[in-house]
C-alpha atoms as a PDB file:
ATOM      1  CA  MET A   1      16.827 -10.934  14.079  1.00  0.00           C
ATOM      2  CA  THR A   2      18.524 -13.429  11.908  1.00  0.00           C
ATOM      3  CA  THR A   3      16.092 -17.093  11.719  1.00  0.00           C
ATOM      4  CA  THR A   4      18.081 -20.198  11.804  1.00  0.00           C
ATOM      5  CA  ARG A   5      16.742 -21.004   8.596  1.00  0.00           C
ATOM      6  CA  ALA A   6      18.259 -17.930   7.154  1.00  0.00           C
ATOM      7  CA  ARG A   7      21.530 -18.609   9.493  1.00  0.00           C
ATOM      8  CA  ILE A   8      21.442 -22.196   7.886  1.00  0.00           C
ATOM      9  CA  LEU A   9      21.253 -20.691   4.336  1.00  0.00           C
ATOM     10  CA  ARG A  10      23.913 -17.958   4.841  1.00  0.00           C
ATOM     11  CA  ALA A  11      26.023 -21.220   5.995  1.00  0.00           C
ATOM     12  CA  ALA A  12      25.023 -23.415   3.217  1.00  0.00           C
ATOM     13  CA  GLU A  13      25.819 -20.215   0.578  1.00  0.00           C
ATOM     14  CA  ARG A  14      28.953 -19.590   1.925  1.00  0.00           C
ATOM     15  CA  GLU A  15      30.259 -23.195   1.838  1.00  0.00           C
ATOM     16  CA  LEU A  16      28.841 -24.341  -1.150  1.00  0.00           C
ATOM     17  CA  GLY A  17      30.268 -21.211  -2.569  1.00  0.00           C
ATOM     18  CA  ARG A  18      33.659 -22.355  -1.567  1.00  0.00           C
ATOM     19  CA  ASP A  19      33.152 -26.061  -1.953  1.00  0.00           C
ATOM     20  CA  PRO A  20      29.851 -27.345  -3.728  1.00  0.00           C
ATOM     21  CA  ASP A  21      30.557 -30.236  -2.206  1.00  0.00           C
ATOM     22  CA  SER A  22      30.333 -29.192   1.536  1.00  0.00           C
ATOM     23  CA  SER A  23      28.865 -31.903   3.156  1.00  0.00           C
ATOM     24  CA  LEU A  24      25.434 -30.900   5.891  1.00  0.00           C
ATOM     25  CA  THR A  25      27.407 -31.548   8.819  1.00  0.00           C
ATOM     26  CA  GLU A  26      29.865 -28.625   7.511  1.00  0.00           C
ATOM     27  CA  ILE A  27      27.022 -26.495   6.770  1.00  0.00           C
ATOM     28  CA  ALA A  28      25.341 -27.007  10.260  1.00  0.00           C
ATOM     29  CA  ALA A  29      28.536 -26.174  11.836  1.00  0.00           C
ATOM     30  CA  ALA A  30      29.211 -23.214   9.962  1.00  0.00           C
ATOM     31  CA  ALA A  31      25.591 -22.101  10.765  1.00  0.00           C
ATOM     32  CA  GLY A  32      26.366 -23.113  14.077  1.00  0.00           C
ATOM     33  CA  VAL A  33      23.276 -25.340  14.877  1.00  0.00           C
ATOM     34  CA  ALA A  34      23.265 -29.349  15.200  1.00  0.00           C
ATOM     35  CA  ARG A  35      22.503 -31.486  12.064  1.00  0.00           C
ATOM     36  CA  ARG A  36      19.270 -32.313  13.575  1.00  0.00           C
ATOM     37  CA  THR A  37      18.451 -28.726  13.383  1.00  0.00           C
ATOM     38  CA  LEU A  38      19.107 -28.120   9.999  1.00  0.00           C
ATOM     39  CA  TYR A  39      17.066 -31.117   8.969  1.00  0.00           C
ATOM     40  CA  GLY A  40      14.363 -29.572  10.498  1.00  0.00           C
ATOM     41  CA  HIS A  41      14.355 -26.681   8.387  1.00  0.00           C
ATOM     42  CA  PHE A  42      15.593 -28.999   4.869  1.00  0.00           C
ATOM     43  CA  ALA A  43      14.511 -32.181   4.504  1.00  0.00           C
ATOM     44  CA  GLY A  44      18.426 -33.085   3.169  1.00  0.00           C
ATOM     45  CA  ARG A  45      20.598 -31.464   0.648  1.00  0.00           C
ATOM     46  CA  ASP A  46      18.492 -31.141  -2.115  1.00  0.00           C
ATOM     47  CA  ALA A  47      15.568 -29.013   0.053  1.00  0.00           C
ATOM     48  CA  LEU A  48      18.522 -27.155   1.200  1.00  0.00           C
ATOM     49  CA  VAL A  49      20.073 -26.069  -2.295  1.00  0.00           C
ATOM     50  CA  GLY A  50      16.308 -25.882  -3.165  1.00  0.00           C
ATOM     51  CA  GLY A  51      16.033 -23.093  -0.170  1.00  0.00           C
ATOM     52  CA  LEU A  52      19.104 -21.169  -2.109  1.00  0.00           C
ATOM     53  CA  VAL A  53      17.528 -21.335  -5.515  1.00  0.00           C
ATOM     54  CA  GLU A  54      14.349 -20.094  -4.040  1.00  0.00           C
ATOM     55  CA  GLU A  55      16.029 -17.149  -2.141  1.00  0.00           C
ATOM     56  CA  ALA A  56      18.460 -16.442  -4.747  1.00  0.00           C
ATOM     57  CA  ALA A  57      15.642 -15.976  -7.562  1.00  0.00           C
ATOM     58  CA  GLU A  58      13.849 -13.381  -5.335  1.00  0.00           C
ATOM     59  CA  ALA A  59      17.183 -11.165  -4.388  1.00  0.00           C
ATOM     60  CA  VAL A  60      18.128 -11.402  -8.394  1.00  0.00           C
ATOM     61  CA  LEU A  61      14.415 -10.404  -9.080  1.00  0.00           C
ATOM     62  CA  HIS A  62      14.356  -7.992  -6.356  1.00  0.00           C
ATOM     63  CA  ALA A  63      17.803  -6.450  -6.983  1.00  0.00           C
ATOM     64  CA  ILE A  64      16.614  -5.640 -10.395  1.00  0.00           C
ATOM     65  CA  GLY A  65      13.420  -3.857 -10.112  1.00  0.00           C
ATOM     66  CA  GLY A  66      11.269  -6.767 -10.779  1.00  0.00           C
ATOM     67  CA  THR A  67      10.358  -7.473 -14.265  1.00  0.00           C
ATOM     68  CA  ASP A  68       9.330  -4.067 -15.130  1.00  0.00           C
ATOM     69  CA  ALA A  69      11.502  -2.884 -17.949  1.00  0.00           C
ATOM     70  CA  PRO A  70      14.100   0.244 -17.657  1.00  0.00           C
ATOM     71  CA  ALA A  71      12.946   3.346 -18.912  1.00  0.00           C
ATOM     72  CA  PRO A  72      13.244   3.323 -22.911  1.00  0.00           C
ATOM     73  CA  ASP A  73      14.412   6.380 -22.519  1.00  0.00           C
ATOM     74  CA  ASP A  74      17.090   5.644 -20.128  1.00  0.00           C
ATOM     75  CA  ASP A  75      20.691   6.080 -21.073  1.00  0.00           C
ATOM     76  CA  PRO A  76      21.972   2.719 -21.449  1.00  0.00           C
ATOM     77  CA  ALA A  77      25.288   3.522 -19.920  1.00  0.00           C
ATOM     78  CA  VAL A  78      23.424   4.737 -16.762  1.00  0.00           C
ATOM     79  CA  ALA A  79      21.218   1.956 -16.892  1.00  0.00           C
ATOM     80  CA  LEU A  80      24.089  -0.712 -17.307  1.00  0.00           C
ATOM     81  CA  ALA A  81      25.962   0.851 -14.278  1.00  0.00           C
ATOM     82  CA  ARG A  82      22.398   1.211 -12.393  1.00  0.00           C
ATOM     83  CA  PHE A  83      22.427  -2.325 -13.134  1.00  0.00           C
ATOM     84  CA  VAL A  84      25.575  -3.649 -12.052  1.00  0.00           C
ATOM     85  CA  LEU A  85      25.492  -1.576  -8.777  1.00  0.00           C
ATOM     86  CA  ASP A  86      22.084  -3.378  -8.462  1.00  0.00           C
ATOM     87  CA  LEU A  87      23.211  -6.672  -8.267  1.00  0.00           C
ATOM     88  CA  TRP A  88      26.428  -6.471  -6.748  1.00  0.00           C
ATOM     89  CA  PRO A  89      25.479  -6.796  -2.921  1.00  0.00           C
ATOM     90  CA  ILE A  90      23.838 -10.017  -3.987  1.00  0.00           C
ATOM     91  CA  GLY A  91      26.605 -11.447  -6.510  1.00  0.00           C
ATOM     92  CA  ASP A  92      27.628 -14.225  -3.810  1.00  0.00           C
ATOM     93  CA  ARG A  93      24.092 -16.043  -4.563  1.00  0.00           C
ATOM     94  CA  TYR A  94      24.583 -15.373  -7.970  1.00  0.00           C
ATOM     95  CA  GLY A  95      28.148 -16.952  -7.635  1.00  0.00           C
ATOM     96  CA  THR A  96      26.803 -19.547  -5.518  1.00  0.00           C
ATOM     97  CA  LEU A  97      24.087 -20.420  -8.043  1.00  0.00           C
ATOM     98  CA  ILE A  98      26.554 -20.964 -11.209  1.00  0.00           C
ATOM     99  CA  ALA A  99      28.971 -23.000  -8.913  1.00  0.00           C
ATOM    100  CA  LEU A 100      26.290 -25.178  -8.140  1.00  0.00           C
ATOM    101  CA  ALA A 101      25.284 -25.760 -11.437  1.00  0.00           C
ATOM    102  CA  ARG A 102      28.594 -26.624 -12.688  1.00  0.00           C
ATOM    103  CA  HIS A 103      29.484 -29.344  -9.923  1.00  0.00           C
ATOM    104  CA  ARG A 104      26.068 -30.230  -8.516  1.00  0.00           C
ATOM    105  CA  GLY A 105      22.740 -30.259  -7.289  1.00  0.00           C
ATOM    106  CA  LEU A 106      21.295 -27.758  -9.938  1.00  0.00           C
ATOM    107  CA  GLY A 107      21.677 -28.118 -13.415  1.00  0.00           C
ATOM    108  CA  PRO A 108      22.109 -25.408 -16.205  1.00  0.00           C
ATOM    109  CA  GLU A 109      18.232 -25.107 -16.967  1.00  0.00           C
ATOM    110  CA  GLY A 110      17.501 -24.252 -13.569  1.00  0.00           C
ATOM    111  CA  VAL A 111      20.098 -22.203 -13.443  1.00  0.00           C
ATOM    112  CA  SER A 112      19.018 -20.261 -16.887  1.00  0.00           C
ATOM    113  CA  THR A 113      15.262 -19.987 -15.840  1.00  0.00           C
ATOM    114  CA  ILE A 114      16.317 -18.278 -11.972  1.00  0.00           C
ATOM    115  CA  LEU A 115      18.689 -15.810 -13.624  1.00  0.00           C
ATOM    116  CA  ALA A 116      16.366 -15.223 -16.846  1.00  0.00           C
ATOM    117  CA  PRO A 117      15.163 -11.907 -15.702  1.00  0.00           C
ATOM    118  CA  ALA A 118      18.608 -10.181 -15.396  1.00  0.00           C
ATOM    119  CA  ARG A 119      19.864 -11.945 -18.340  1.00  0.00           C
ATOM    120  CA  ASP A 120      16.955 -10.407 -20.139  1.00  0.00           C
ATOM    121  CA  ARG A 121      17.600  -6.983 -18.265  1.00  0.00           C
ATOM    122  CA  LEU A 122      20.901  -7.092 -19.380  1.00  0.00           C
ATOM    123  CA  ALA A 123      20.165  -8.045 -23.190  1.00  0.00           C
ATOM    124  CA  GLY A 124      17.654  -5.441 -23.572  1.00  0.00           C
ATOM    125  CA  ILE A 125      20.355  -2.532 -21.924  1.00  0.00           C
ATOM    126  CA  LEU A 126      23.065  -3.702 -24.354  1.00  0.00           C
ATOM    127  CA  ALA A 127      20.181  -3.821 -26.841  1.00  0.00           C
ATOM    128  CA  ARG A 128      19.536  -0.619 -26.582  1.00  0.00           C
ATOM    129  CA  GLY A 129      23.130   0.883 -26.182  1.00  0.00           C
ATOM    130  CA  ARG A 130      24.184  -0.668 -29.457  1.00  0.00           C
ATOM    131  CA  ARG A 131      21.593   0.625 -31.418  1.00  0.00           C
ATOM    132  CA  ALA A 132      22.516   3.972 -29.875  1.00  0.00           C
ATOM    133  CA  GLY A 133      26.215   3.484 -30.514  1.00  0.00           C
ATOM    134  CA  VAL A 134      26.885   3.498 -26.666  1.00  0.00           C
ATOM    135  CA  PHE A 135      28.373  -0.002 -26.853  1.00  0.00           C
ATOM    136  CA  HIS A 136      30.273  -2.657 -29.283  1.00  0.00           C
ATOM    137  CA  THR A 137      28.101  -3.477 -32.028  1.00  0.00           C
ATOM    138  CA  ALA A 138      30.619  -6.603 -33.491  1.00  0.00           C
ATOM    139  CA  VAL A 139      28.560  -8.916 -31.313  1.00  0.00           C
ATOM    140  CA  PRO A 140      24.943  -9.803 -30.339  1.00  0.00           C
ATOM    141  CA  ALA A 141      23.663  -8.115 -27.340  1.00  0.00           C
ATOM    142  CA  ARG A 142      23.238 -11.729 -25.602  1.00  0.00           C
ATOM    143  CA  VAL A 143      26.810 -12.866 -26.515  1.00  0.00           C
ATOM    144  CA  LEU A 144      28.050  -9.683 -25.043  1.00  0.00           C
ATOM    145  CA  GLY A 145      25.677 -10.235 -22.347  1.00  0.00           C
ATOM    146  CA  ALA A 146      27.471 -12.977 -21.886  1.00  0.00           C
ATOM    147  CA  ALA A 147      30.999 -12.046 -21.777  1.00  0.00           C
ATOM    148  CA  LEU A 148      30.388  -9.399 -19.178  1.00  0.00           C
ATOM    149  CA  GLU A 149      28.137 -11.652 -16.946  1.00  0.00           C
ATOM    150  CA  ALA A 150      31.335 -14.034 -16.678  1.00  0.00           C
ATOM    151  CA  HIS A 151      33.905 -10.597 -16.228  1.00  0.00           C
ATOM    152  CA  LEU A 152      31.807 -10.089 -13.358  1.00  0.00           C
ATOM    153  CA  LEU A 153      32.045 -13.351 -11.669  1.00  0.00           C
ATOM    154  CA  ALA A 154      35.332 -13.376 -12.288  1.00  0.00           C
ATOM    155  CA  LEU A 155      35.631  -9.443 -10.405  1.00  0.00           C
ATOM    156  CA  LEU A 156      33.486 -10.877  -7.808  1.00  0.00           C
ATOM    157  CA  GLY A 157      35.805 -13.840  -7.105  1.00  0.00           C
ATOM    158  CA  CYS A 158      38.666 -11.132  -6.699  1.00  0.00           C
ATOM    159  CA  ALA A 159      36.353  -9.082  -4.294  1.00  0.00           C
ATOM    160  CA  ARG A 160      35.549 -12.779  -2.447  1.00  0.00           C
ATOM    161  CA  ARG A 161      39.273 -13.969  -1.995  1.00  0.00           C
ATOM    162  CA  GLY A 162      40.456 -10.532  -0.600  1.00  0.00           C
ATOM    163  CA  VAL A 163      42.530  -9.207  -3.884  1.00  0.00           C
ATOM    164  CA  TRP A 164      40.099  -6.994  -4.581  1.00  0.00           C
ATOM    165  CA  ASP A 165      38.095  -4.473  -2.194  1.00  0.00           C
ATOM    166  CA  ASP A 166      35.113  -2.972  -4.284  1.00  0.00           C
ATOM    167  CA  ASP A 167      31.757  -1.700  -3.218  1.00  0.00           C
ATOM    168  CA  GLY A 168      30.426  -1.818  -7.561  1.00  0.00           C
ATOM    169  CA  THR A 169      31.508   0.979  -8.233  1.00  0.00           C
ATOM    170  CA  GLY A 170      34.964  -0.590  -9.808  1.00  0.00           C
ATOM    171  CA  ALA A 171      32.754  -3.288 -11.101  1.00  0.00           C
ATOM    172  CA  ALA A 172      30.464  -1.066 -12.970  1.00  0.00           C
ATOM    173  CA  VAL A 173      32.778   0.971 -14.889  1.00  0.00           C
ATOM    174  CA  ALA A 174      34.605  -1.824 -15.958  1.00  0.00           C
ATOM    175  CA  ALA A 175      31.951  -3.490 -16.982  1.00  0.00           C
ATOM    176  CA  LEU A 176      31.002  -0.390 -19.088  1.00  0.00           C
ATOM    177  CA  ILE A 177      34.326  -0.148 -20.724  1.00  0.00           C
ATOM    178  CA  VAL A 178      33.751  -3.937 -21.559  1.00  0.00           C
ATOM    179  CA  ALA A 179      30.693  -2.838 -23.211  1.00  0.00           C
ATOM    180  CA  GLY A 180      32.872  -0.526 -25.403  1.00  0.00           C
ATOM    181  CA  VAL A 181      32.148   3.248 -22.952  1.00  0.00           C
ATOM    182  CA  GLY A 182      35.620   5.029 -22.887  1.00  0.00           C
ATOM    183  CA  ALA A 183      37.009   4.764 -19.513  1.00  0.00           C
ATOM    184  CA  ASP A 184      36.650   8.456 -18.965  1.00  0.00           C
ATOM    185  CA  ALA A 185      32.793   8.097 -19.834  1.00  0.00           C
ATOM    186  CA  ALA A 186      32.539   5.000 -17.864  1.00  0.00           C
ATOM    187  CA  THR A 187      33.908   6.691 -14.836  1.00  0.00           C
ATOM    188  CA  GLY A 188      31.727   9.721 -14.988  1.00  0.00           C
ATOM    189  CA  ALA A 189      28.408   7.772 -15.924  1.00  0.00           C
ATOM    190  CA  VAL A 190      28.841   5.913 -12.535  1.00  0.00           C
ATOM    191  CA  ARG A 191      30.079   8.736 -10.424  1.00  0.00           C
ATOM    192  CA  ALA A 192      27.449  10.571 -11.497  1.00  0.00           C
ATOM    193  CA  LEU A 193      24.808   7.578 -10.660  1.00  0.00           C
ATOM    194  CA  ARG A 194      26.566   7.790  -7.439  1.00  0.00           C
ATOM    195  CA  GLY A 195      25.885  11.356  -6.982  1.00  0.00           C
ATOM    196  CA  GLU A 196      29.651  12.326  -7.009  1.00  0.00           C
ATOM    197  CA  GLY A 197      29.577  14.219 -10.301  1.00  0.00           C
END
């Protein structure tokens, strides 16, 4: 059963993702609660944004399997595909954090701190893949990671707007191709991970 607090957070995520300047009145209406109910759970906009940030940080950490690094002998292409597939279901939260950082309520340092575990995990996967000759070596792993993050956020935006219907499979294949894996190998790696190969 969804709690009122969770309903408010989901509504805030949707409304702030759509328009970072959404009012608390609009968020309360989207959650189906009175404004005073929203204030019963969150003292104001900063507290509401803080609740979103805290929840998103937990969701990102949970999605990537905590702070434990993946096995060093894990195939880098499979590890990257798994990373994308694990984060795709919570992509809205990731995107909302980025939108809030750009517009208001949360500085870039705050977002960087929250997303650091995911970004570190991605950089580690890319570094291993570069050493193994699986991924591009023309740019540093963190730069390639930033490019992949922007690419995935663009794909997520398309999915949110209904331009593209994807369960993460297409995004994982696209991420592997951007990282330097051939299209057939990328598709094969994701299918194998999905148990379709």
